[in-house]
Protein backbone atom coordinates (compact mmCIF):
# COMPACT_ATOMS: atom_id res chain seq x y z
CA MET A 1 0.00 0.00 0.00
CA ALA A 2 2.74 2.44 1.00
CA ALA A 3 4.74 1.54 -2.10
CA THR A 4 1.69 2.27 -4.26
CA VAL A 5 1.24 5.71 -2.69
CA VAL A 6 4.93 6.54 -3.17
CA THR A 7 4.75 5.43 -6.80
CA ARG A 8 1.71 7.62 -7.44
CA VAL A 9 3.40 10.62 -5.80
CA LYS A 10 6.52 10.12 -7.93
CA ARG A 11 4.44 9.80 -11.09
CA SER A 12 2.46 12.92 -10.20
CA PHE A 13 5.63 14.87 -9.43
CA GLY A 14 7.20 13.81 -12.71
CA THR A 15 4.12 14.84 -14.69
CA HIS A 16 3.10 17.97 -12.77
CA TRP A 17 6.46 19.16 -11.40
CA TYR A 18 5.61 22.81 -12.13
CA ALA A 19 2.45 22.64 -10.02
CA TRP A 20 4.40 21.00 -7.19
CA ALA A 21 7.02 23.76 -7.39
CA MET A 22 4.33 26.44 -7.15
CA VAL A 23 2.63 24.78 -4.18
CA LEU A 24 5.83 23.99 -2.26
CA PRO A 25 6.42 27.53 -0.85
CA VAL A 26 2.87 27.62 0.49
CA VAL A 27 3.29 24.20 2.07
CA ILE A 28 6.53 25.31 3.74
CA VAL A 29 4.97 28.51 5.08
CA LEU A 30 1.95 26.62 6.43
CA ALA A 31 4.21 24.03 8.01
CA VAL A 32 6.22 26.73 9.79
CA LEU A 33 3.35 29.01 10.79
CA VAL A 34 0.65 26.41 11.46
CA GLY A 35 2.10 22.92 11.55
CA TYR A 36 4.90 23.47 14.06
CA PRO A 37 2.83 25.57 16.56
CA LEU A 38 0.00 23.04 16.33
CA GLY A 39 2.35 20.11 16.92
CA ARG A 40 4.02 21.96 19.81
CA GLY A 41 0.63 22.73 21.34
CA ILE A 42 -0.48 19.11 21.10
CA TYR A 43 2.74 18.02 22.78
CA LEU A 44 2.44 20.57 25.61
CA SER A 45 -1.16 19.51 26.27
CA PHE A 46 0.20 16.11 27.36
CA THR A 47 2.64 17.66 29.86
CA ASP A 48 2.52 19.73 33.05
CA ALA A 49 4.47 22.64 31.51
CA ASN A 50 4.12 25.98 33.28
CA GLU A 51 6.12 29.11 34.01
CA ALA A 52 8.12 27.41 36.76
CA ASN A 53 9.35 24.33 34.88
CA ILE A 54 9.68 25.56 31.28
CA GLY A 55 13.19 25.96 29.89
CA ARG A 56 14.48 29.54 29.76
CA THR A 57 17.63 31.62 29.55
CA ILE A 58 18.38 34.31 32.14
CA GLY A 59 21.46 36.28 31.18
CA VAL A 60 24.21 33.78 30.54
CA ASN A 61 22.48 31.07 32.54
CA HIS A 62 20.27 28.50 30.85
CA ILE A 63 17.68 26.69 32.94
CA PRO A 64 16.61 23.42 31.29
CA SER A 65 13.01 22.29 31.12
CA SER A 66 11.84 20.08 33.95
CA TYR A 67 8.20 19.50 33.01
CA GLU A 68 6.98 15.92 32.67
CA PHE A 69 4.71 13.94 30.40
CA VAL A 70 1.33 13.41 32.10
CA GLY A 71 -0.66 11.80 29.30
CA LEU A 72 -4.37 12.62 29.23
CA ASP A 73 -4.46 14.10 32.74
CA ASN A 74 -5.00 17.66 31.49
CA TYR A 75 -7.89 16.62 29.27
CA TRP A 76 -9.46 14.58 32.06
CA ARG A 77 -9.12 17.47 34.51
CA VAL A 78 -10.85 19.86 32.10
CA LEU A 79 -13.57 17.56 30.74
CA SER A 80 -14.43 16.00 34.12
CA GLY A 81 -15.09 19.43 35.61
CA GLN A 82 -12.20 19.37 38.08
CA GLU A 83 -10.77 22.50 36.48
CA GLY A 84 -14.11 24.19 37.13
CA HIS A 85 -14.33 26.64 34.23
CA PHE A 86 -14.66 24.74 30.97
CA TYR A 87 -18.37 24.01 30.73
CA SER A 88 -19.56 27.42 31.95
CA ARG A 89 -17.33 29.16 29.42
CA LEU A 90 -18.27 26.66 26.72
CA GLY A 91 -21.94 27.47 27.30
CA TRP A 92 -21.35 31.20 26.98
CA THR A 93 -19.12 30.65 23.94
CA VAL A 94 -21.90 28.71 22.22
CA VAL A 95 -24.48 31.39 23.08
CA TRP A 96 -22.08 34.12 21.93
CA THR A 97 -21.39 32.33 18.64
CA ALA A 98 -25.02 31.47 17.90
CA SER A 99 -26.37 34.94 18.69
CA CYS A 100 -23.68 36.71 16.67
CA VAL A 101 -23.97 34.43 13.62
CA VAL A 102 -27.78 34.62 13.61
CA LEU A 103 -27.68 38.42 13.78
CA HIS A 104 -24.87 38.53 11.19
CA TYR A 105 -26.86 36.47 8.74
CA THR A 106 -30.30 38.00 9.24
CA ILE A 107 -29.11 41.62 9.16
CA GLY A 108 -26.72 40.88 6.29
CA LEU A 109 -29.51 39.18 4.34
CA GLY A 110 -31.85 42.11 4.91
CA LEU A 111 -29.27 44.67 3.78
CA ALA A 112 -28.32 42.54 0.78
CA LEU A 113 -31.96 42.34 -0.30
CA LEU A 114 -32.24 46.12 -0.07
CA LEU A 115 -29.04 46.75 -1.99
CA ASN A 116 -30.01 44.24 -4.67
CA ARG A 117 -32.88 46.49 -5.68
CA GLN A 118 -32.66 49.44 -8.02
CA MET A 119 -32.32 52.63 -5.98
CA ARG A 120 -30.58 55.95 -6.05
CA PHE A 121 -27.10 56.15 -4.49
CA ARG A 122 -26.92 52.36 -4.26
CA THR A 123 -23.14 52.38 -4.80
CA LEU A 124 -22.69 54.94 -2.03
CA TYR A 125 -24.76 52.83 0.37
CA ARG A 126 -22.68 49.77 -0.45
CA VAL A 127 -19.45 51.61 0.29
CA LEU A 128 -20.75 53.00 3.58
CA LEU A 129 -22.03 49.62 4.74
CA VAL A 130 -18.72 47.92 3.90
CA LEU A 131 -16.66 50.46 5.88
CA PRO A 132 -16.88 48.59 9.23
CA TRP A 133 -15.32 45.58 7.50
CA ALA A 134 -12.51 47.72 6.05
CA VAL A 135 -11.54 49.21 9.42
CA PRO A 136 -9.03 47.03 11.36
CA ALA A 137 -10.84 45.12 14.09
CA PHE A 138 -8.67 46.44 16.93
CA VAL A 139 -9.25 50.06 15.84
CA ALA A 140 -13.02 49.53 15.64
CA THR A 141 -13.08 47.72 18.99
CA PHE A 142 -11.18 50.50 20.78
CA SER A 143 -13.52 53.05 19.20
CA TRP A 144 -16.51 51.19 20.58
CA ARG A 145 -14.79 50.94 23.95
CA LEU A 146 -14.56 54.72 24.06
CA MET A 147 -18.23 55.01 23.12
CA PHE A 148 -19.16 52.58 25.91
CA ASN A 149 -17.17 54.55 28.52
CA GLU A 150 -19.29 55.16 31.61
CA LYS A 151 -18.26 58.80 32.11
CA TYR A 152 -17.25 60.13 28.70
CA GLY A 153 -18.82 57.73 26.23
CA VAL A 154 -21.13 58.89 23.45
CA LEU A 155 -23.87 56.43 24.39
CA ASN A 156 -24.11 57.61 27.99
CA SER A 157 -23.93 61.24 26.91
CA PHE A 158 -26.88 60.63 24.61
CA MET A 159 -28.79 58.86 27.40
CA THR A 160 -28.07 61.75 29.77
CA THR A 161 -29.53 64.25 27.32
CA LEU A 162 -32.71 62.14 27.31
CA GLY A 163 -32.88 62.32 31.10
CA LEU A 164 -31.73 58.73 31.65
CA ASP A 165 -29.07 57.55 34.05
CA PRO A 166 -25.69 56.54 32.59
CA VAL A 167 -25.01 52.83 32.27
CA ASP A 168 -21.78 51.02 33.16
CA TRP A 169 -21.69 49.10 29.90
CA LEU A 170 -18.34 47.41 30.49
CA GLY A 171 -18.62 46.93 34.25
CA ASP A 172 -21.64 44.68 34.56
CA SER A 173 -21.34 41.04 33.49
CA PHE A 174 -24.57 40.95 31.49
CA LEU A 175 -23.94 44.33 29.83
CA GLN A 176 -20.43 43.21 28.96
CA LYS A 177 -21.94 40.36 26.97
CA VAL A 178 -24.51 42.59 25.28
CA SER A 179 -21.83 45.14 24.37
CA ALA A 180 -19.51 42.46 22.98
CA VAL A 181 -22.29 40.97 20.83
CA ALA A 182 -23.22 44.44 19.52
CA VAL A 183 -19.63 45.23 18.53
CA ASN A 184 -19.07 41.88 16.88
CA VAL A 185 -22.33 42.17 14.94
CA TRP A 186 -21.28 45.61 13.72
CA LEU A 187 -17.97 44.17 12.56
CA GLY A 188 -19.35 41.00 10.96
CA VAL A 189 -22.47 42.16 9.12
CA PRO A 190 -20.59 43.72 6.13
CA PHE A 191 -18.96 40.40 5.22
CA MET A 192 -22.30 38.59 5.34
CA MET A 193 -23.95 41.36 3.33
CA VAL A 194 -21.32 41.29 0.58
CA ALA A 195 -21.31 37.48 0.35
CA ILE A 196 -25.10 37.21 0.28
CA LEU A 197 -25.37 40.08 -2.21
CA GLY A 198 -23.10 38.16 -4.55
CA GLY A 199 -25.33 35.11 -4.12
CA LEU A 200 -28.45 37.14 -4.85
CA GLN A 201 -26.97 38.49 -8.06
CA SER A 202 -26.15 34.95 -9.21
CA ILE A 203 -29.83 33.89 -9.06
CA PRO A 204 -31.31 34.11 -12.58
CA ALA A 205 -33.87 36.90 -12.83
CA GLU A 206 -36.03 34.58 -14.96
CA LEU A 207 -36.84 32.50 -11.89
CA HIS A 208 -38.30 35.50 -10.07
CA GLU A 209 -40.19 36.59 -13.18
CA ALA A 210 -41.66 33.13 -13.71
CA ALA A 211 -42.73 32.92 -10.07
CA GLU A 212 -44.32 36.37 -10.26
CA MET A 213 -46.21 35.42 -13.42
CA ASP A 214 -47.50 32.31 -11.63
CA GLY A 215 -49.01 34.58 -8.97
CA ALA A 216 -46.45 34.01 -6.21
CA SER A 217 -46.43 36.66 -3.50
CA PRO A 218 -43.16 38.43 -2.50
CA TRP A 219 -42.88 36.17 0.55
CA GLN A 220 -43.41 33.06 -1.58
CA ARG A 221 -40.78 34.22 -4.07
CA PHE A 222 -38.38 34.85 -1.22
CA ARG A 223 -39.07 31.46 0.36
CA HIS A 224 -39.12 29.29 -2.77
CA VAL A 225 -36.71 31.14 -5.08
CA THR A 226 -34.36 33.38 -3.12
CA LEU A 227 -33.55 31.16 -0.15
CA PRO A 228 -32.95 28.00 -2.24
CA GLY A 229 -30.76 30.03 -4.57
CA LEU A 230 -28.69 31.20 -1.59
CA ARG A 231 -28.29 27.72 -0.08
CA GLU A 232 -24.67 27.15 -1.13
CA VAL A 233 -23.55 30.68 -0.22
CA SER A 234 -25.43 30.55 3.08
CA GLY A 235 -23.88 27.23 4.03
CA THR A 236 -20.37 28.54 3.43
CA VAL A 237 -20.73 31.91 5.16
CA ILE A 238 -22.48 30.42 8.18
CA LEU A 239 -19.70 27.86 8.62
CA LEU A 240 -17.05 30.56 8.31
CA GLY A 241 -19.01 32.81 10.65
CA VAL A 242 -19.20 30.10 13.32
CA ILE A 243 -15.46 29.39 13.14
CA TRP A 244 -14.49 33.08 13.20
CA THR A 245 -16.92 34.02 15.97
CA PHE A 246 -16.04 31.03 18.15
CA ASN A 247 -12.43 32.26 18.06
CA MET A 248 -13.18 36.02 18.10
CA PHE A 249 -10.47 36.89 20.59
CA GLN A 250 -9.97 40.57 19.89
CA VAL A 251 -13.53 41.77 20.52
CA ILE A 252 -13.82 40.18 23.98
CA TYR A 253 -10.26 40.93 25.04
CA LEU A 254 -9.87 44.45 23.65
CA LEU A 255 -13.38 45.65 24.46
CA ILE A 256 -13.59 44.37 28.03
CA GLY A 257 -9.89 43.85 28.75
CA ALA A 258 -8.78 43.05 32.27
CA GLY A 259 -12.26 43.93 33.51
CA ALA A 260 -13.76 40.83 31.92
CA SER A 261 -15.64 38.80 34.48
CA SER A 262 -15.35 35.04 34.48
CA ASP A 263 -18.84 34.89 32.94
CA SER A 264 -17.87 37.15 30.02
CA GLU A 265 -14.83 35.24 28.82
CA ILE A 266 -15.08 32.80 25.95
CA LEU A 267 -12.86 29.75 25.63
CA VAL A 268 -10.18 31.39 23.50
CA THR A 269 -9.72 34.41 25.80
CA TYR A 270 -9.47 32.14 28.83
CA SER A 271 -6.89 30.04 27.02
CA TYR A 272 -4.89 33.21 26.36
CA ARG A 273 -5.13 34.25 30.03
CA LEU A 274 -3.84 30.85 31.15
CA ALA A 275 -0.76 31.21 28.95
CA PHE A 276 0.12 34.89 29.36
CA GLN A 277 -1.34 36.23 32.60
CA GLY A 278 -0.61 35.40 36.21
CA ILE A 279 1.12 32.09 36.79
CA ARG A 280 1.47 30.93 33.22
CA ASP A 281 -0.03 27.50 32.65
CA TYR A 282 1.22 26.52 29.20
CA ALA A 283 -0.11 22.98 29.40
CA GLY A 284 -3.58 24.14 30.43
CA SER A 285 -3.65 26.74 27.67
CA ALA A 286 -2.55 24.19 25.08
CA THR A 287 -5.24 21.79 26.30
CA TYR A 288 -7.90 24.46 25.84
CA GLY A 289 -6.54 25.23 22.38
CA ILE A 290 -6.71 21.61 21.25
CA LEU A 291 -10.22 21.23 22.67
CA ILE A 292 -11.35 24.35 20.79
CA LEU A 293 -9.86 22.98 17.57
CA SER A 294 -11.53 19.61 18.14
CA LEU A 295 -14.93 21.18 18.78
CA LEU A 296 -14.73 23.24 15.60
CA LEU A 297 -13.59 20.26 13.53
CA VAL A 298 -16.48 18.14 14.81
CA PHE A 299 -18.96 20.93 14.13
CA ALA A 300 -17.59 21.52 10.62
CA VAL A 301 -17.79 17.82 9.72
CA PHE A 302 -21.34 17.38 11.00
CA TYR A 303 -22.47 20.66 9.48
CA ARG A 304 -21.14 19.80 6.03
CA ARG A 305 -22.62 16.29 6.22
CA THR A 306 -25.99 17.73 7.21
CA LEU A 307 -25.93 20.08 4.25
CA ALA A 308 -24.92 17.23 1.95
CA ARG A 309 -27.81 15.07 3.19
CA GLN A 310 -30.25 17.94 2.69
CA GLU A 311 -29.00 18.40 -0.87
CA ALA A 312 -29.27 14.67 -1.57
CA SER A 313 -32.83 14.51 -0.24
CA ARG A 314 -34.07 17.26 -2.57
């Protein structure tokens, strides 16, 4: 079997050597930037590595690593609940991801439907609605953090002019979550809008015209023509949205910062805090990272299989 695979690879390389040469730099870059860190993380997740026993150099003195291999102990400690934080943060991460992706898609779909119609200044509206996507995420997040400021923020100033009391948007656990969802929705809607708008423009106009001639109402045309025509685009953007939002580190960390309560952290921000704040637990952080990767892989596989079954049943 192995000999057959090697023979096929050699034959492919001999026939398509130019394609292999073009792909090789990308493979090397991915191996260095993704493969090695991933392999290192998997290895550390099976150890008890932390700030005290990791190898380091202080001046001219080198302190060797003294951490040990512990097998699946880290995974058992997290998944059995002994660590005490995984399932509560997993629940909030799922709620955070679902709420953001649903709002991303519904608002993006609504804006795409509006922009797909003939109207004055349509190009200008498209540019203005894409701007949040063009602004770097950390710049946009810090801008929102200033607007959420309890004393000097724009939102509280506006509420004060209406006779309302100012709100500590980033101090309360529940309001932290609401603020984070609002910022992430503002950042993510433009991508959904652009992707769905492209899908709308790929639907043949003849289908809508035929449905209209058959007496279909606007809602029926939307349900039986527009949504089926967007199925492939929707499946892709929702999958990407789930993966990106599940790992949306910068919004939670930069918006709330050190003031994040334990209820407001998602899995990826807690993993970061384990590795880089306080007593650094590299093994625990790596364990969280591998669990996050595993959850997303399982979701992606089941999601794609579900879509494939739905397509096959039609």
